[in-house]
């Protein structure tokens, strides 16, 4: 109202700023255009209609002689519930598009974890040597996999060691 944006639009602005892939950006733009607001407004209106009909049936039970009214209310309520469920499922997809899927690269030392990270990033971000224990700090980077941001986490090799530095990080 008065030229201000609602909560869904404000969240979409943040999603647009933080978008890690083109697909995430497009979802944010659609949300900014009001797609989510329209969907929620329509669901709200349908729920209000069901509630109004229930209140009429409670206030004027003598007019609820027709079995069809109860059947219609049940069908309408089930339809609204299924649409809310669909909306909740898209919320999970939206969270994945916003935050990415965290994927840890784990294994023994010197099996190619850091090399795999570098290959997927198509740049040399992680140090790669033949010395076991080179990776000591966790390295996180995002890659775009078919429009979904994948947060790759390069980890140190899993091994027993007497190295003080490696022992202290666990």
Foldseek 3Di string as FASTA:
>chain_A
DVPDDDPQLVVLVVQCVQFPFPLSNVVSVCSNVPPVVVLVVVLVVLVVVLVVLVVCCVVCVVVVPDPVSVVVSVVSVVVSVVSVVVVVVVVVVSCQRRPNAEDEQAAAFPPCLQVVVCVQVVHRPDDDDNDAPRDQDWDWDWHADPSTTHIYIYHHYDDDDPDPSNVVSD
